């Protein structure tokens, strides 16, 4: 069974210049490449895989400054958007990153999404706890999000309940320190600091799957425990949504 997994990270109201975003992007891709060799080659997105495979780039400060200087990667006067992938002929066998940064918006926050390759249970190369936790840490260190979740699409649907951002757990969940202190949780859940940035909560050492009822039950128990500590307040306050 090959379920679709990814990471979604969010932070609101952080207007930053092209240079500031480029420095964060350079750091992020460097740290991500240390997680797995598949995260070393990167290509700009294009209308066809064949064309995209001719658009390889080195994720350096100079490269991102060039990208963010292009109109196609600018969100008007409010930050930058950028998409890239690892260049496999079959797109579901490669990874993809979608980024929005530098925005002052609160209702449409800045975000970074990683889409992982599809891998069957028992045949994981990238979808392992060390790789995924490394990617979560790379996001936390480079982009300093308020909240991030690594999970399967099925668990996203199961646990979010259609709620606003920042209201549920995944296989791994990151909380910035501004969100509050994460309590000690019962085994097998691990709670680990990410430097001085925040806390990473990992539900299981193996891949968490929506087809495993024990995994889903563990996720719900953990979610209720964290809700009691006020860690799932909305990313976008209700007043801001009404004004929008």
Protein backbone atom coordinates (compact mmCIF):
# COMPACT_ATOMS: atom_id res chain seq x y z
CA UNK A 1 0.00 0.00 0.00
CA UNK A 2 1.47 3.37 -1.05
CA UNK A 3 -0.19 6.25 0.78
CA UNK A 4 0.66 9.87 0.07
CA UNK A 5 2.76 11.52 2.78
CA UNK A 6 3.97 15.05 3.18
CA UNK A 7 4.94 17.86 5.55
CA UNK A 8 3.04 21.12 5.80
CA UNK A 9 4.47 24.00 7.83
CA UNK A 10 2.89 27.41 8.43
CA UNK A 11 3.80 30.81 9.85
CA UNK A 12 1.86 34.06 9.59
CA UNK A 13 2.72 37.74 9.17
CA UNK A 14 6.45 37.68 8.51
CA UNK A 15 7.33 40.22 5.83
CA UNK A 16 10.89 39.50 4.67
CA UNK A 17 13.05 40.71 1.81
CA UNK A 18 14.25 38.59 -1.10
CA UNK A 19 17.66 38.33 0.56
CA UNK A 20 16.20 37.19 3.88
CA UNK A 21 14.06 34.55 2.17
CA UNK A 22 16.99 33.46 0.01
CA UNK A 23 19.19 32.93 3.07
CA UNK A 24 16.51 30.83 4.72
CA UNK A 25 15.99 28.83 1.51
CA UNK A 26 19.71 28.14 1.14
CA UNK A 27 19.91 26.90 4.74
CA UNK A 28 16.79 24.76 4.37
CA UNK A 29 17.92 22.94 1.22
CA UNK A 30 21.39 22.38 2.68
CA UNK A 31 19.92 20.80 5.81
CA UNK A 32 17.40 18.80 3.78
CA UNK A 33 20.16 17.35 1.58
CA UNK A 34 21.85 16.03 4.73
CA UNK A 35 18.75 13.92 5.46
CA UNK A 36 18.88 11.74 2.33
CA UNK A 37 20.75 11.68 -1.02
CA UNK A 38 17.43 12.00 -2.88
CA UNK A 39 17.23 15.57 -1.59
CA UNK A 40 20.40 16.69 -3.37
CA UNK A 41 19.28 17.30 -6.99
CA UNK A 42 16.62 19.98 -7.56
CA UNK A 43 14.82 21.24 -10.65
CA UNK A 44 12.47 24.12 -11.29
CA UNK A 45 8.86 23.14 -11.92
CA UNK A 46 7.62 23.25 -15.50
CA UNK A 47 4.64 22.28 -17.62
CA UNK A 48 6.31 18.96 -18.53
CA UNK A 49 8.73 16.62 -16.78
CA UNK A 50 11.00 16.61 -19.83
CA UNK A 51 11.35 20.38 -19.79
CA UNK A 52 11.77 20.49 -16.01
CA UNK A 53 14.67 18.03 -16.19
CA UNK A 54 16.55 20.69 -18.17
CA UNK A 55 16.09 23.23 -15.35
CA UNK A 56 18.40 21.87 -12.69
CA UNK A 57 19.90 24.32 -10.20
CA UNK A 58 22.17 24.50 -7.17
CA UNK A 59 20.19 25.75 -4.14
CA UNK A 60 22.57 28.57 -3.19
CA UNK A 61 21.95 32.08 -1.89
CA UNK A 62 22.80 33.53 -5.31
CA UNK A 63 20.40 31.15 -7.06
CA UNK A 64 17.46 32.04 -4.82
CA UNK A 65 18.19 35.76 -5.11
CA UNK A 66 17.96 35.31 -8.87
CA UNK A 67 14.71 33.34 -8.61
CA UNK A 68 13.06 35.79 -6.22
CA UNK A 69 14.00 38.62 -8.55
CA UNK A 70 11.79 37.13 -11.27
CA UNK A 71 8.19 38.25 -11.58
CA UNK A 72 6.99 34.63 -11.91
CA UNK A 73 8.18 33.90 -8.37
CA UNK A 74 6.83 37.07 -6.75
CA UNK A 75 3.42 37.37 -5.06
CA UNK A 76 2.80 40.91 -6.16
CA UNK A 77 4.27 43.13 -3.45
CA UNK A 78 3.74 40.55 -0.74
CA UNK A 79 6.49 37.94 -0.69
CA UNK A 80 7.52 35.09 -2.94
CA UNK A 81 6.30 31.72 -4.23
CA UNK A 82 8.53 28.94 -5.49
CA UNK A 83 8.14 25.27 -6.45
CA UNK A 84 10.79 22.62 -7.12
CA UNK A 85 11.11 18.84 -7.40
CA UNK A 86 13.82 16.19 -7.35
CA UNK A 87 13.54 15.25 -11.01
CA UNK A 88 12.31 11.64 -11.17
CA UNK A 89 10.68 10.67 -14.46
CA UNK A 90 7.62 9.45 -12.54
CA UNK A 91 6.57 12.42 -10.39
CA UNK A 92 5.12 10.28 -7.58
CA UNK A 93 8.59 8.68 -7.20
CA UNK A 94 10.24 12.03 -6.59
CA UNK A 95 9.86 14.67 -3.91
CA UNK A 96 8.48 18.17 -4.33
CA UNK A 97 8.74 21.40 -2.31
CA UNK A 98 6.25 24.26 -2.52
CA UNK A 99 7.16 27.48 -0.72
CA UNK A 100 5.50 30.78 0.10
CA UNK A 101 7.58 33.20 2.16
CA UNK A 102 8.05 36.86 2.97
CA UNK A 103 4.33 37.65 3.28
CA UNK A 104 2.82 40.01 5.83
CA UNK A 105 -0.53 38.23 5.50
CA UNK A 106 -2.32 36.63 8.45
CA UNK A 107 -5.29 35.01 6.71
CA UNK A 108 -3.15 33.41 3.97
CA UNK A 109 -0.02 32.50 5.94
CA UNK A 110 3.46 31.71 4.72
CA UNK A 111 4.00 28.01 4.22
CA UNK A 112 6.35 25.27 3.13
CA UNK A 113 5.05 21.93 1.85
CA UNK A 114 7.11 18.84 1.15
CA UNK A 115 5.51 16.04 -0.86
CA UNK A 116 7.34 12.75 -0.36
CA UNK A 117 7.64 9.98 -2.97
CA UNK A 118 5.11 7.17 -2.76
CA UNK A 119 6.66 4.11 -1.11
CA UNK A 120 4.98 0.83 -0.19
CA UNK A 121 5.00 -0.33 3.43
CA UNK A 122 8.17 -2.29 4.10
CA UNK A 123 9.94 -0.76 1.10
CA UNK A 124 10.68 2.69 2.51
CA UNK A 125 13.76 4.61 1.42
CA UNK A 126 12.68 8.16 2.24
CA UNK A 127 9.58 7.57 4.38
CA UNK A 128 11.52 6.60 7.48
CA UNK A 129 11.49 8.25 10.89
CA UNK A 130 15.10 9.53 10.67
CA UNK A 131 14.57 11.12 7.24
CA UNK A 132 11.18 12.66 8.00
CA UNK A 133 12.27 13.97 11.41
CA UNK A 134 15.39 15.41 9.77
CA UNK A 135 13.20 17.22 7.25
CA UNK A 136 11.00 18.55 10.06
CA UNK A 137 14.07 19.84 11.87
CA UNK A 138 15.39 21.45 8.68
CA UNK A 139 12.12 23.35 8.33
CA UNK A 140 12.13 24.38 12.00
CA UNK A 141 15.70 25.68 11.95
CA UNK A 142 15.56 27.44 8.57
CA UNK A 143 11.99 28.79 8.48
CA UNK A 144 10.93 28.96 12.14
CA UNK A 145 7.29 28.05 11.52
CA UNK A 146 4.61 28.27 14.17
CA UNK A 147 3.33 24.76 13.49
CA UNK A 148 4.19 21.88 11.15
CA UNK A 149 2.82 18.40 10.62
CA UNK A 150 4.17 15.34 8.80
CA UNK A 151 1.43 12.86 7.99
CA UNK A 152 -0.45 10.79 5.43
CA UNK A 153 -3.36 12.32 3.53
CA UNK A 154 -5.75 9.89 5.22
CA UNK A 155 -4.67 10.92 8.70
CA UNK A 156 -4.89 14.59 7.76
CA UNK A 157 -8.54 14.04 6.81
CA UNK A 158 -9.19 11.88 9.88
CA UNK A 159 -7.72 14.18 12.52
CA UNK A 160 -8.27 17.69 11.17
CA UNK A 161 -12.05 17.36 11.08
CA UNK A 162 -12.16 20.25 8.63
CA UNK A 163 -10.79 22.61 11.27
CA UNK A 164 -8.53 25.61 10.71
CA UNK A 165 -4.74 25.29 10.61
CA UNK A 166 -2.95 24.23 13.74
CA UNK A 167 -5.61 21.99 15.23
CA UNK A 168 -4.38 18.41 14.90
CA UNK A 169 -1.45 16.01 15.12
CA UNK A 170 0.27 13.84 12.55
CA UNK A 171 2.94 11.17 12.54
CA UNK A 172 5.20 14.04 13.59
CA UNK A 173 4.09 17.46 14.79
CA UNK A 174 6.23 20.52 15.46
CA UNK A 175 5.25 23.36 17.80
CA UNK A 176 7.22 26.60 18.08
CA UNK A 177 8.11 27.55 21.62
CA UNK A 178 5.69 30.49 21.35
CA UNK A 179 2.86 27.94 21.25
CA UNK A 180 3.67 26.81 24.77
CA UNK A 181 5.30 23.92 26.58
CA UNK A 182 4.68 20.41 25.27
CA UNK A 183 4.05 17.95 28.13
CA UNK A 184 5.70 14.57 28.56
CA UNK A 185 3.61 11.96 26.75
CA UNK A 186 3.28 8.21 27.25
CA UNK A 187 5.39 5.76 25.23
CA UNK A 188 5.78 5.22 22.30
CA UNK A 189 5.36 8.97 21.77
CA UNK A 190 8.63 10.93 21.79
CA UNK A 191 8.90 14.61 22.71
CA UNK A 192 12.20 16.22 21.68
CA UNK A 193 13.48 19.80 21.62
CA UNK A 194 14.56 21.31 18.31
CA UNK A 195 17.36 23.55 19.56
CA UNK A 196 15.86 26.74 20.94
CA UNK A 197 13.16 26.85 18.25
CA UNK A 198 10.46 24.51 19.55
CA UNK A 199 9.44 20.90 20.12
CA UNK A 200 8.99 17.87 17.86
CA UNK A 201 6.40 15.23 18.82
CA UNK A 202 6.77 11.81 17.12
CA UNK A 203 3.94 9.33 17.66
CA UNK A 204 5.64 6.11 16.52
CA UNK A 205 9.15 5.07 15.44
CA UNK A 206 7.60 3.23 12.48
CA UNK A 207 5.59 4.86 9.72
CA UNK A 208 2.19 5.95 11.05
CA UNK A 209 -0.59 4.75 8.75
CA UNK A 210 -4.32 5.56 8.55
CA UNK A 211 -5.01 1.87 7.84
CA UNK A 212 -3.73 0.86 11.29
CA UNK A 213 -6.47 1.39 13.93
CA UNK A 214 -3.90 1.37 16.76
CA UNK A 215 -2.06 4.23 15.09
CA UNK A 216 -5.27 6.23 14.66
CA UNK A 217 -6.26 5.62 18.29
CA UNK A 218 -2.81 6.75 19.47
CA UNK A 219 -3.11 9.91 17.38
CA UNK A 220 -6.49 10.76 18.89
CA UNK A 221 -5.23 10.17 22.46
CA UNK A 222 -2.22 12.39 21.84
CA UNK A 223 -4.33 15.06 20.20
CA UNK A 224 -6.69 15.24 23.19
CA UNK A 225 -3.74 15.50 25.60
CA UNK A 226 -2.21 18.38 23.63
CA UNK A 227 -5.54 20.13 23.21
CA UNK A 228 -5.86 20.24 27.00
CA UNK A 229 -2.59 22.20 27.12
CA UNK A 230 -3.85 24.80 24.64
CA UNK A 231 -1.35 23.90 21.91
CA UNK A 232 -3.96 23.73 19.14
CA UNK A 233 -5.19 27.32 19.09
CA UNK A 234 -6.00 28.49 15.58
CA UNK A 235 -3.24 29.72 13.29
CA UNK A 236 -5.57 32.49 12.08
CA UNK A 237 -7.55 34.15 14.91
CA UNK A 238 -11.32 34.33 14.37
CA UNK A 239 -11.28 38.14 14.40
CA UNK A 240 -8.75 38.21 11.55
CA UNK A 241 -10.88 35.82 9.48
CA UNK A 242 -13.98 38.03 9.98
CA UNK A 243 -12.06 41.14 8.88
CA UNK A 244 -10.84 39.28 5.77
